[in-house]
């Protein structure tokens, strides 16, 4: 798969404080074009969430001089463990390698249509 999303949006360098019930990480509503294997932004009817690699994640934990480059890889590994070892029903998810970083994509489970 390839990402058709600008680096400015992926990097989210806005430094705004935010969090939500589902977590701190920046999330982008996206869809996958199965024919071209391309991931694009879709704010009207997204079926997936993309969590891009973000060097600002350390700010949330109070350490402005660090970041957690494996956070998204770790999330994918936990979901894979839940599916393969615990036999839990988990949504489609995977890693996208783009611009020398891993980005995490997961199917939205709050949308049924």
N, C-alpha and C. Protein backbone atom coordinates (compact mmCIF):
# COMPACT_ATOMS: atom_id res chain seq x y z
N UNK A 1 0.84 -1.18 0.00
CA UNK A 1 0.00 0.00 0.00
C UNK A 1 0.88 1.24 0.00
N UNK A 2 0.38 2.30 -0.56
CA UNK A 2 1.10 3.57 -0.54
C UNK A 2 0.18 4.64 0.03
N UNK A 3 0.79 5.63 0.67
CA UNK A 3 0.05 6.75 1.25
C UNK A 3 0.01 7.90 0.28
N UNK A 4 -1.18 8.45 0.06
CA UNK A 4 -1.33 9.66 -0.73
C UNK A 4 -1.84 10.76 0.21
N UNK A 5 -0.99 11.08 1.19
CA UNK A 5 -1.31 12.07 2.22
C UNK A 5 -0.06 12.93 2.40
N UNK A 6 -0.23 14.23 2.46
CA UNK A 6 0.93 15.11 2.56
C UNK A 6 1.70 14.89 3.86
N UNK A 7 3.00 15.12 3.80
CA UNK A 7 3.84 14.98 4.98
C UNK A 7 3.42 15.94 6.09
N UNK A 8 2.93 17.11 5.73
CA UNK A 8 2.48 18.09 6.73
C UNK A 8 1.35 17.52 7.57
N UNK A 9 0.43 16.84 6.94
CA UNK A 9 -0.69 16.23 7.68
C UNK A 9 -0.19 15.04 8.49
N UNK A 10 0.67 14.23 7.91
CA UNK A 10 1.20 13.06 8.63
C UNK A 10 2.00 13.46 9.86
N UNK A 11 2.78 14.53 9.76
CA UNK A 11 3.66 14.92 10.86
C UNK A 11 2.95 15.66 11.97
N UNK A 12 1.84 16.31 11.70
CA UNK A 12 1.04 17.01 12.72
C UNK A 12 1.93 17.76 13.70
N UNK A 13 2.65 18.74 13.22
CA UNK A 13 3.59 19.52 14.05
C UNK A 13 2.92 20.69 14.76
N UNK A 14 1.61 20.60 14.97
CA UNK A 14 0.86 21.73 15.52
C UNK A 14 1.12 22.00 16.99
N UNK A 15 1.68 21.02 17.72
CA UNK A 15 1.97 21.18 19.15
C UNK A 15 0.75 21.55 19.99
N UNK A 16 -0.43 21.22 19.53
CA UNK A 16 -1.62 21.50 20.33
C UNK A 16 -1.83 20.37 21.34
N UNK A 17 -2.29 20.74 22.52
CA UNK A 17 -2.56 19.75 23.55
C UNK A 17 -3.93 19.14 23.28
N UNK A 18 -3.97 17.85 23.22
CA UNK A 18 -5.24 17.18 23.06
C UNK A 18 -5.11 15.74 23.55
N UNK A 19 -6.21 15.22 23.92
CA UNK A 19 -6.30 13.80 24.20
C UNK A 19 -7.75 13.42 24.02
N UNK A 20 -8.00 12.15 23.97
CA UNK A 20 -9.37 11.70 23.83
C UNK A 20 -9.50 10.38 24.58
N UNK A 21 -10.73 9.93 24.69
CA UNK A 21 -10.98 8.68 25.38
C UNK A 21 -10.23 7.53 24.73
N UNK A 22 -10.07 7.60 23.40
CA UNK A 22 -9.43 6.50 22.69
C UNK A 22 -7.92 6.68 22.54
N UNK A 23 -7.35 7.71 23.13
CA UNK A 23 -5.90 7.85 23.10
C UNK A 23 -5.42 9.19 22.58
N UNK A 24 -4.13 9.44 22.77
CA UNK A 24 -3.52 10.72 22.44
C UNK A 24 -3.10 10.83 20.98
N UNK A 25 -2.72 9.75 20.37
CA UNK A 25 -2.10 9.79 19.06
C UNK A 25 -2.97 10.49 18.02
N UNK A 26 -2.29 11.20 17.11
CA UNK A 26 -2.96 11.81 15.98
C UNK A 26 -3.62 10.71 15.15
N UNK A 27 -4.85 10.93 14.72
CA UNK A 27 -5.57 9.95 13.91
C UNK A 27 -6.14 10.66 12.69
N UNK A 28 -6.06 10.01 11.55
CA UNK A 28 -6.55 10.57 10.31
C UNK A 28 -7.58 9.61 9.73
N UNK A 29 -8.76 10.11 9.38
CA UNK A 29 -9.79 9.30 8.73
C UNK A 29 -9.37 9.01 7.30
N UNK A 30 -9.32 7.74 6.93
CA UNK A 30 -8.85 7.36 5.60
C UNK A 30 -9.69 6.22 5.02
N UNK A 31 -9.49 5.99 3.74
CA UNK A 31 -10.01 4.83 3.05
C UNK A 31 -8.92 4.25 2.17
N UNK A 32 -9.12 3.01 1.76
CA UNK A 32 -8.16 2.31 0.91
C UNK A 32 -8.81 2.07 -0.46
N UNK A 33 -8.15 2.52 -1.50
CA UNK A 33 -8.57 2.19 -2.86
C UNK A 33 -7.94 0.85 -3.18
N UNK A 34 -8.75 -0.20 -3.23
CA UNK A 34 -8.24 -1.55 -3.42
C UNK A 34 -7.60 -1.75 -4.79
N UNK A 35 -8.08 -1.04 -5.80
CA UNK A 35 -7.51 -1.19 -7.14
C UNK A 35 -6.10 -0.63 -7.23
N UNK A 36 -5.89 0.56 -6.68
CA UNK A 36 -4.58 1.21 -6.78
C UNK A 36 -3.72 0.97 -5.55
N UNK A 37 -4.30 0.33 -4.52
CA UNK A 37 -3.59 0.08 -3.25
C UNK A 37 -3.08 1.38 -2.64
N UNK A 38 -3.95 2.40 -2.67
CA UNK A 38 -3.59 3.73 -2.19
C UNK A 38 -4.48 4.11 -1.02
N UNK A 39 -3.87 4.70 0.01
CA UNK A 39 -4.59 5.18 1.19
C UNK A 39 -4.72 6.69 1.07
N UNK A 40 -5.96 7.18 1.17
CA UNK A 40 -6.22 8.61 1.05
C UNK A 40 -7.14 9.08 2.18
N UNK A 41 -7.11 10.38 2.45
CA UNK A 41 -7.99 10.97 3.46
C UNK A 41 -9.43 10.90 2.98
N UNK A 42 -10.33 10.57 3.89
CA UNK A 42 -11.76 10.55 3.58
C UNK A 42 -12.52 10.99 4.83
N UNK A 43 -12.96 12.22 4.86
CA UNK A 43 -13.65 12.74 6.04
C UNK A 43 -15.15 12.49 6.01
N UNK A 44 -15.69 12.05 4.86
CA UNK A 44 -17.13 11.85 4.75
C UNK A 44 -17.59 10.46 5.14
N UNK A 45 -16.87 9.45 4.73
CA UNK A 45 -17.26 8.08 5.03
C UNK A 45 -16.03 7.18 5.20
N UNK A 46 -15.21 7.49 6.21
CA UNK A 46 -13.99 6.71 6.39
C UNK A 46 -14.27 5.33 6.99
N UNK A 47 -13.53 4.35 6.50
CA UNK A 47 -13.65 3.00 7.04
C UNK A 47 -12.43 2.60 7.85
N UNK A 48 -11.39 3.45 7.83
CA UNK A 48 -10.14 3.16 8.53
C UNK A 48 -9.64 4.39 9.26
N UNK A 49 -8.81 4.15 10.27
CA UNK A 49 -8.07 5.21 10.94
C UNK A 49 -6.59 4.98 10.67
N UNK A 50 -5.88 6.05 10.35
CA UNK A 50 -4.44 5.98 10.18
C UNK A 50 -3.81 6.73 11.34
N UNK A 51 -2.92 6.06 12.04
CA UNK A 51 -2.14 6.70 13.09
C UNK A 51 -0.73 6.89 12.54
N UNK A 52 -0.40 8.12 12.14
CA UNK A 52 0.92 8.34 11.56
C UNK A 52 2.00 8.40 12.62
N UNK A 53 3.22 8.06 12.22
CA UNK A 53 4.38 8.21 13.09
C UNK A 53 4.44 9.67 13.51
N UNK A 54 4.75 9.93 14.78
CA UNK A 54 4.74 11.30 15.28
C UNK A 54 5.85 11.48 16.32
N UNK A 55 6.79 12.38 16.04
CA UNK A 55 7.89 12.63 16.99
C UNK A 55 7.42 13.44 18.19
N UNK A 56 6.20 13.97 18.18
CA UNK A 56 5.69 14.77 19.30
C UNK A 56 5.06 13.93 20.40
N UNK A 57 4.97 12.62 20.26
CA UNK A 57 4.28 11.79 21.24
C UNK A 57 4.91 11.89 22.63
N UNK A 58 6.19 12.14 22.73
CA UNK A 58 6.85 12.28 24.03
C UNK A 58 6.34 13.46 24.83
N UNK A 59 5.82 14.48 24.17
CA UNK A 59 5.32 15.67 24.86
C UNK A 59 4.16 15.32 25.78
N UNK A 60 3.32 14.38 25.38
CA UNK A 60 2.17 14.01 26.18
C UNK A 60 2.60 13.40 27.51
N UNK A 61 3.73 12.71 27.51
CA UNK A 61 4.21 12.06 28.71
C UNK A 61 5.13 12.94 29.53
N UNK A 62 5.24 14.23 29.15
CA UNK A 62 6.01 15.18 29.94
C UNK A 62 7.48 15.26 29.59
N UNK A 63 7.94 14.48 28.64
CA UNK A 63 9.34 14.49 28.25
C UNK A 63 9.47 15.09 26.86
N UNK A 64 9.76 16.38 26.80
CA UNK A 64 9.80 17.08 25.53
C UNK A 64 11.03 16.75 24.70
N UNK A 65 11.96 15.98 25.23
CA UNK A 65 13.18 15.64 24.52
C UNK A 65 13.19 14.21 23.99
N UNK A 66 12.09 13.51 24.08
CA UNK A 66 12.09 12.12 23.62
C UNK A 66 10.86 11.85 22.76
N UNK A 67 10.95 10.77 22.06
CA UNK A 67 9.80 10.29 21.30
C UNK A 67 9.84 8.77 21.33
N UNK A 68 8.80 8.15 20.87
CA UNK A 68 8.66 6.70 20.96
C UNK A 68 8.46 6.12 19.56
N UNK A 69 9.57 5.90 18.85
CA UNK A 69 9.45 5.49 17.45
C UNK A 69 8.78 4.14 17.24
N UNK A 70 8.77 3.28 18.24
CA UNK A 70 8.15 1.96 18.08
C UNK A 70 6.73 1.88 18.62
N UNK A 71 6.13 3.00 18.99
CA UNK A 71 4.78 2.96 19.58
C UNK A 71 3.77 2.31 18.63
N UNK A 72 3.83 2.64 17.37
CA UNK A 72 2.86 2.10 16.41
C UNK A 72 3.16 0.64 16.07
N UNK A 73 4.43 0.29 16.00
CA UNK A 73 4.81 -1.11 15.79
C UNK A 73 4.34 -1.94 16.98
N UNK A 74 4.51 -1.40 18.17
CA UNK A 74 4.07 -2.07 19.39
C UNK A 74 2.56 -2.30 19.37
N UNK A 75 1.81 -1.30 18.95
CA UNK A 75 0.35 -1.44 18.90
C UNK A 75 -0.05 -2.56 17.93
N UNK A 76 0.60 -2.60 16.77
CA UNK A 76 0.31 -3.65 15.79
C UNK A 76 0.67 -5.03 16.35
N UNK A 77 1.81 -5.14 17.04
CA UNK A 77 2.21 -6.42 17.62
C UNK A 77 1.21 -6.90 18.68
N UNK A 78 0.70 -5.98 19.50
CA UNK A 78 -0.30 -6.34 20.51
C UNK A 78 -1.58 -6.83 19.86
N UNK A 79 -2.01 -6.15 18.79
CA UNK A 79 -3.22 -6.58 18.09
C UNK A 79 -3.00 -7.94 17.44
N UNK A 80 -1.81 -8.17 16.88
CA UNK A 80 -1.50 -9.47 16.27
C UNK A 80 -1.50 -10.57 17.33
N UNK A 81 -0.94 -10.28 18.51
CA UNK A 81 -0.93 -11.23 19.61
C UNK A 81 -2.36 -11.55 20.04
N UNK A 82 -3.19 -10.52 20.17
CA UNK A 82 -4.58 -10.73 20.58
C UNK A 82 -5.32 -11.63 19.58
N UNK A 83 -5.05 -11.42 18.31
CA UNK A 83 -5.71 -12.22 17.28
C UNK A 83 -5.15 -13.64 17.21
N UNK A 84 -3.85 -13.76 17.13
CA UNK A 84 -3.22 -15.06 16.85
C UNK A 84 -3.03 -15.95 18.06
N UNK A 85 -2.80 -15.37 19.22
CA UNK A 85 -2.54 -16.17 20.42
C UNK A 85 -3.74 -16.26 21.35
N UNK A 86 -4.49 -15.17 21.46
CA UNK A 86 -5.65 -15.17 22.35
C UNK A 86 -6.95 -15.47 21.61
N UNK A 87 -6.85 -15.54 20.27
CA UNK A 87 -7.98 -15.84 19.40
C UNK A 87 -9.13 -14.85 19.55
N UNK A 88 -8.79 -13.59 19.81
CA UNK A 88 -9.79 -12.54 19.90
C UNK A 88 -10.11 -12.02 18.50
N UNK A 89 -11.34 -11.53 18.35
CA UNK A 89 -11.77 -10.94 17.08
C UNK A 89 -11.31 -9.48 17.07
N UNK A 90 -10.32 -9.17 16.26
CA UNK A 90 -9.79 -7.80 16.20
C UNK A 90 -9.99 -7.26 14.79
N UNK A 91 -10.12 -5.95 14.65
CA UNK A 91 -10.30 -5.38 13.32
C UNK A 91 -9.02 -5.50 12.49
N UNK A 92 -9.20 -5.45 11.16
CA UNK A 92 -8.06 -5.44 10.26
C UNK A 92 -7.12 -4.32 10.69
N UNK A 93 -5.82 -4.60 10.71
CA UNK A 93 -4.84 -3.58 11.06
C UNK A 93 -3.51 -3.96 10.43
N UNK A 94 -2.66 -2.97 10.27
CA UNK A 94 -1.36 -3.25 9.68
C UNK A 94 -0.45 -2.05 9.76
N UNK A 95 0.77 -2.26 9.31
CA UNK A 95 1.77 -1.20 9.28
C UNK A 95 2.02 -0.79 7.83
N UNK A 96 2.16 0.50 7.62
CA UNK A 96 2.49 1.06 6.31
C UNK A 96 3.86 1.71 6.45
N UNK A 97 4.80 1.31 5.63
CA UNK A 97 6.13 1.90 5.65
C UNK A 97 6.17 3.03 4.63
N UNK A 98 6.41 4.25 5.11
CA UNK A 98 6.40 5.45 4.26
C UNK A 98 7.38 6.46 4.82
N UNK A 99 8.22 7.01 3.96
CA UNK A 99 9.22 8.02 4.38
C UNK A 99 10.08 7.54 5.55
N UNK A 100 10.49 6.31 5.49
CA UNK A 100 11.39 5.70 6.49
C UNK A 100 10.76 5.57 7.88
N UNK A 101 9.44 5.60 7.95
CA UNK A 101 8.74 5.45 9.23
C UNK A 101 7.57 4.49 9.06
N UNK A 102 7.16 3.88 10.17
CA UNK A 102 5.98 3.04 10.16
C UNK A 102 4.77 3.85 10.61
N UNK A 103 3.67 3.69 9.88
CA UNK A 103 2.39 4.28 10.21
C UNK A 103 1.41 3.12 10.41
N UNK A 104 0.46 3.28 11.30
CA UNK A 104 -0.44 2.19 11.67
C UNK A 104 -1.83 2.47 11.13
N UNK A 105 -2.44 1.47 10.50
CA UNK A 105 -3.80 1.60 9.99
C UNK A 105 -4.67 0.54 10.64
N UNK A 106 -5.90 0.92 10.97
CA UNK A 106 -6.83 -0.02 11.58
C UNK A 106 -8.24 0.27 11.08
N UNK A 107 -8.98 -0.78 10.84
CA UNK A 107 -10.37 -0.64 10.39
C UNK A 107 -11.20 -0.10 11.54
N UNK A 108 -12.04 0.86 11.23
CA UNK A 108 -12.91 1.44 12.27
C UNK A 108 -13.93 0.39 12.71
N UNK A 109 -14.08 0.22 14.00
CA UNK A 109 -15.04 -0.75 14.52
C UNK A 109 -16.33 -0.07 14.96
N UNK A 110 -16.38 1.27 14.83
CA UNK A 110 -17.58 2.00 15.23
C UNK A 110 -18.47 2.30 14.02
N UNK A 111 -18.09 1.79 12.85
CA UNK A 111 -18.87 2.00 11.63
C UNK A 111 -19.26 0.63 11.09
N UNK A 112 -20.55 0.38 10.97
CA UNK A 112 -21.01 -0.94 10.56
C UNK A 112 -21.44 -1.01 9.11
N UNK A 113 -21.70 0.13 8.48
CA UNK A 113 -22.16 0.11 7.09
C UNK A 113 -20.99 0.34 6.20
